Amino acid sequence: FRTRTTSTMLGDFKPLHLVKPFVPFLPEVPEADRKVPFREKIVWTAIVLMCFLVCSQTPLYGLKPNETQDPFYWSRVINASNRGTLMELGISPIVTSGLVMQLLSGAKLIEVDQNNKEDKTLFNAASKFIGLVICLIQSIFYVYSGMYGNLEEIGLPNATLLVAQLVFAGILVILWDSLLSNGYGLGSAISLFIATNICESIIWRSFSPNTVPTNSGPQFEGAIIALFHLLLTRSDKVRALKEAFYRQSLPNITNILATVVVFAIVIFFQGFRIDLKVKHERQRNQSGTYPIKLFYTSNMPIILQSSLVSNFFFISSALYKRFPDNFITNFLGVWQQSDASYQGHSVPVSGIAYLLSAPVSVAEALRDPFHTMFYLAFVLGSCALFSKAWIEVSGQTPKDVLKQLRDQQMIMRGHRENSMLAQLYKYIPTAAAFGGLCIGLLSVASDFLGVIGSGTGILMSVTIIFEYFEKFAKEASETGSYMGIMS
């Protein structure tokens, strides 16, 4: 009898239940218990964005001036982070925790029923808990690794204060994301911060008035300002145009044109979808369509892929800084300061980190074809796998979609329930995998073209901006006009 009772108790136990004692203490904004007006959503979104921008410019208290190179310069735009400020970690901890939970769920190490309210609550709580743990670990690692100066010079009180500030900022990010995701804003705060950081980077590198010393003399950092400056100050206009379009160590006009082209291509692909005709089960006059987009999982595959690579680069560069002569460290990645860098960031030059880094131009891609093919295969494969796995975690599987249609009393024209499920299985997994593959291919192509920032960053910003545009368009169609949104 005892054996049977123990077996039953173990059978009912789930790993997610370990999070239950921590649920009351985790940062959380309750879901909206009413329909929040669109105008109010805009206000909350604007408030959160302003708070994020203020924190991105607020320096950490107790920080010592440090002129060392920034080892995470290449990932700051994607992680929405800013060195030496409260947003030092950006969205990295919360995105990494989402990646960990997805891997655990995909590997069946934890069982999650997204239709079960308790399971869904515990899953979100576990993601927040892991995010806070990652935030604490990264904060300690940043301080210990000497990113803010020598630990002996900083002192234990200041070091503790730095860690506390970074953890506090991580809690704020979780609260902001919870607020906007639970019905008070226009989607996820994570996407909002990524798009803001990337757009800020594009504008700054196009119009920055800062001057940078080069072999041909001081030049403006901003590509467009540099174009006019070179045309006005150089007697040889053709040479001035050539330098403005093709200068190597600073943003150039070619980079801007490539960025515009990629924006247009991604927007074009956003329109690819299959509309399944549906109608109300009882009301014959009520009908519509259920769209299955090519980018079925939106930008999540590239966010998760970039998070995986970013964390690997973080570990590899930190280990190389501490143990530069170790064989395993060198196998993971050898890092050195880039010759073409004007802000002192380091790049991988060999090892696994080098293979996972993007070639920054077509010439570099042709110079090392093995690196190019390895990077291409990794990005395409990981994006396709993450996309297929994400539909399981996010509740977008064919069974979940069928349940949503059933709850709305909608059916497909000419199909019964069994054939409806077959139709959904025919399109959704294919759209998820192929869409993830296309996102990966566009990201690689963007890197080869030399877009401002990175291919991953541009792709994420375009998809996020397009999602916001669709929300505005949907609200406008419901209110009758764009002016009616704000009334």
Foldseek 3Di string as FASTA:
>chain_A
DVVVVVVVVVVPDFPLVVLVVCLVVAQADAFDPDQAALQQQAVLLVVLVVVLVVQQPAFQPLFDDDQAFDQQPLCCLQQLAHPRGLRNRRCLLLLVLVLVLLVCVLVVVGDADCVDPVSVSSSVSSSRVSSLVVQLVVLLLCQPLQVRHDDVVSDDVSSVSSSVSNSVSSSSQVNSQNCQCSNRHLHGVSLVSSLVSLVVLLVCQQDPQDWFQDPVGIAGQHLPVRLVVLCVPDPPNVVSLVCQADPQLGDHPLQVVLLVVLLVVLVVQQPAWDWFKKAFQPDRVGIDTDIQGLLNVFLSLLSSVSSVLSVLSVVLVSVCSVCVPDPVSVQSFDKDFDPSYRRGYIATDDHPNQLCDADQALVSCVVDVVSNVSNLCVLLVSLLVSLLSVCVVVQNALVSVLVVCVVVNMDGPPDDSVVSSVVRNVPRNVSSNSSSNVLSVQQNVSSHSNHRSGSSSSSSNSSSVVSVVVVLVVQQVVQVHSVSSND
